[in-house]
């Protein structure tokens, strides 16, 4: 527990010394990277794959291919 508190205190002091200017610099860098077309394209691909993985199972159930649909086909 003491290590955590010591780390938090050191981080606070270093952050306070860096000041608002450093924060703004980091924020601008983040925005520049996040707005880059290559990053946007990669984010779109990842988003589509996550949605496909999450909604893929619901999609197959909606078409009657869920557990009940497969069980009926076995009979």
C-alpha atoms as a PDB file:
ATOM      1  CA  UNK A   1       0.000   0.000   0.000  1.00  0.00           C
ATOM      2  CA  UNK A   2       2.850   2.381   0.818  1.00  0.00           C
ATOM      3  CA  UNK A   3       4.451   1.775  -2.564  1.00  0.00           C
ATOM      4  CA  UNK A   4       1.240   2.797  -4.289  1.00  0.00           C
ATOM      5  CA  UNK A   5       0.928   5.975  -2.225  1.00  0.00           C
ATOM      6  CA  UNK A   6       4.589   6.821  -2.828  1.00  0.00           C
ATOM      7  CA  UNK A   7       4.124   6.278  -6.576  1.00  0.00           C
ATOM      8  CA  UNK A   8       1.007   8.432  -6.602  1.00  0.00           C
ATOM      9  CA  UNK A   9       2.828  11.208  -4.730  1.00  0.00           C
ATOM     10  CA  UNK A  10       5.816  11.109  -7.098  1.00  0.00           C
ATOM     11  CA  UNK A  11       3.505  11.117 -10.106  1.00  0.00           C
ATOM     12  CA  UNK A  12       1.617  14.086  -8.742  1.00  0.00           C
ATOM     13  CA  UNK A  13       4.791  16.083  -8.131  1.00  0.00           C
ATOM     14  CA  UNK A  14       6.212  15.283 -11.561  1.00  0.00           C
ATOM     15  CA  UNK A  15       2.885  16.092 -13.190  1.00  0.00           C
ATOM     16  CA  UNK A  16       2.647  19.388 -11.372  1.00  0.00           C
ATOM     17  CA  UNK A  17       6.156  20.315 -12.465  1.00  0.00           C
ATOM     18  CA  UNK A  18       5.374  19.483 -16.076  1.00  0.00           C
ATOM     19  CA  UNK A  19       2.476  21.885 -15.898  1.00  0.00           C
ATOM     20  CA  UNK A  20      -0.314  22.790 -18.224  1.00  0.00           C
ATOM     21  CA  UNK A  21       1.954  23.436 -21.217  1.00  0.00           C
ATOM     22  CA  UNK A  22       3.163  19.835 -21.261  1.00  0.00           C
ATOM     23  CA  UNK A  23      -0.419  18.607 -20.957  1.00  0.00           C
ATOM     24  CA  UNK A  24      -1.448  20.714 -23.930  1.00  0.00           C
ATOM     25  CA  UNK A  25       1.527  19.435 -25.935  1.00  0.00           C
ATOM     26  CA  UNK A  26       0.560  15.828 -25.211  1.00  0.00           C
ATOM     27  CA  UNK A  27      -3.064  16.567 -26.058  1.00  0.00           C
ATOM     28  CA  UNK A  28      -2.139  18.122 -29.420  1.00  0.00           C
ATOM     29  CA  UNK A  29       0.075  15.135 -30.245  1.00  0.00           C
ATOM     30  CA  UNK A  30      -2.730  12.732 -29.370  1.00  0.00           C
ATOM     31  CA  UNK A  31      -5.209  14.649 -31.536  1.00  0.00           C
ATOM     32  CA  UNK A  32      -2.801  14.728 -34.481  1.00  0.00           C
ATOM     33  CA  UNK A  33      -2.282  10.963 -34.265  1.00  0.00           C
ATOM     34  CA  UNK A  34      -5.968  10.177 -33.697  1.00  0.00           C
ATOM     35  CA  UNK A  35      -7.002  12.304 -36.694  1.00  0.00           C
ATOM     36  CA  UNK A  36      -4.493  10.682 -39.069  1.00  0.00           C
ATOM     37  CA  UNK A  37      -6.248   8.836 -41.933  1.00  0.00           C
ATOM     38  CA  UNK A  38      -4.282   5.619 -41.386  1.00  0.00           C
ATOM     39  CA  UNK A  39      -5.285   5.516 -37.725  1.00  0.00           C
ATOM     40  CA  UNK A  40      -8.900   6.261 -38.620  1.00  0.00           C
ATOM     41  CA  UNK A  41      -8.898   3.423 -41.156  1.00  0.00           C
ATOM     42  CA  UNK A  42      -7.422   0.953 -38.678  1.00  0.00           C
ATOM     43  CA  UNK A  43      -9.938   2.024 -36.044  1.00  0.00           C
ATOM     44  CA  UNK A  44     -12.773   1.443 -38.513  1.00  0.00           C
ATOM     45  CA  UNK A  45     -11.544  -2.058 -39.278  1.00  0.00           C
ATOM     46  CA  UNK A  46     -11.208  -2.903 -35.595  1.00  0.00           C
ATOM     47  CA  UNK A  47     -14.640  -1.442 -34.848  1.00  0.00           C
ATOM     48  CA  UNK A  48     -16.226  -3.502 -37.634  1.00  0.00           C
ATOM     49  CA  UNK A  49     -14.600  -6.720 -36.442  1.00  0.00           C
ATOM     50  CA  UNK A  50     -15.662  -6.125 -32.855  1.00  0.00           C
ATOM     51  CA  UNK A  51     -19.234  -5.429 -33.937  1.00  0.00           C
ATOM     52  CA  UNK A  52     -19.171  -8.551 -36.097  1.00  0.00           C
ATOM     53  CA  UNK A  53     -17.917 -10.651 -33.196  1.00  0.00           C
ATOM     54  CA  UNK A  54     -20.479  -9.216 -30.789  1.00  0.00           C
ATOM     55  CA  UNK A  55     -23.451  -9.186 -33.136  1.00  0.00           C
ATOM     56  CA  UNK A  56     -22.543 -12.249 -35.172  1.00  0.00           C
ATOM     57  CA  UNK A  57     -24.209 -14.640 -32.761  1.00  0.00           C
ATOM     58  CA  UNK A  58     -27.354 -12.517 -32.526  1.00  0.00           C
ATOM     59  CA  UNK A  59     -27.475 -12.280 -36.319  1.00  0.00           C
ATOM     60  CA  UNK A  60     -27.465 -16.065 -36.798  1.00  0.00           C
ATOM     61  CA  UNK A  61     -30.180 -16.493 -34.128  1.00  0.00           C
ATOM     62  CA  UNK A  62     -32.367 -13.930 -35.872  1.00  0.00           C
ATOM     63  CA  UNK A  63     -32.401 -16.080 -38.998  1.00  0.00           C
ATOM     64  CA  UNK A  64     -33.596 -19.198 -37.199  1.00  0.00           C
ATOM     65  CA  UNK A  65     -30.173 -20.790 -37.086  1.00  0.00           C
ATOM     66  CA  UNK A  66     -29.922 -20.656 -33.305  1.00  0.00           C
ATOM     67  CA  UNK A  67     -29.915 -23.684 -31.062  1.00  0.00           C
ATOM     68  CA  UNK A  68     -33.593 -24.413 -31.674  1.00  0.00           C
ATOM     69  CA  UNK A  69     -33.175 -24.134 -35.443  1.00  0.00           C
ATOM     70  CA  UNK A  70     -30.249 -26.543 -35.483  1.00  0.00           C
ATOM     71  CA  UNK A  71     -32.004 -28.958 -33.132  1.00  0.00           C
ATOM     72  CA  UNK A  72     -34.991 -29.104 -35.473  1.00  0.00           C
ATOM     73  CA  UNK A  73     -32.715 -29.923 -38.394  1.00  0.00           C
ATOM     74  CA  UNK A  74     -31.235 -32.895 -36.550  1.00  0.00           C
ATOM     75  CA  UNK A  75     -34.605 -34.571 -36.016  1.00  0.00           C
END
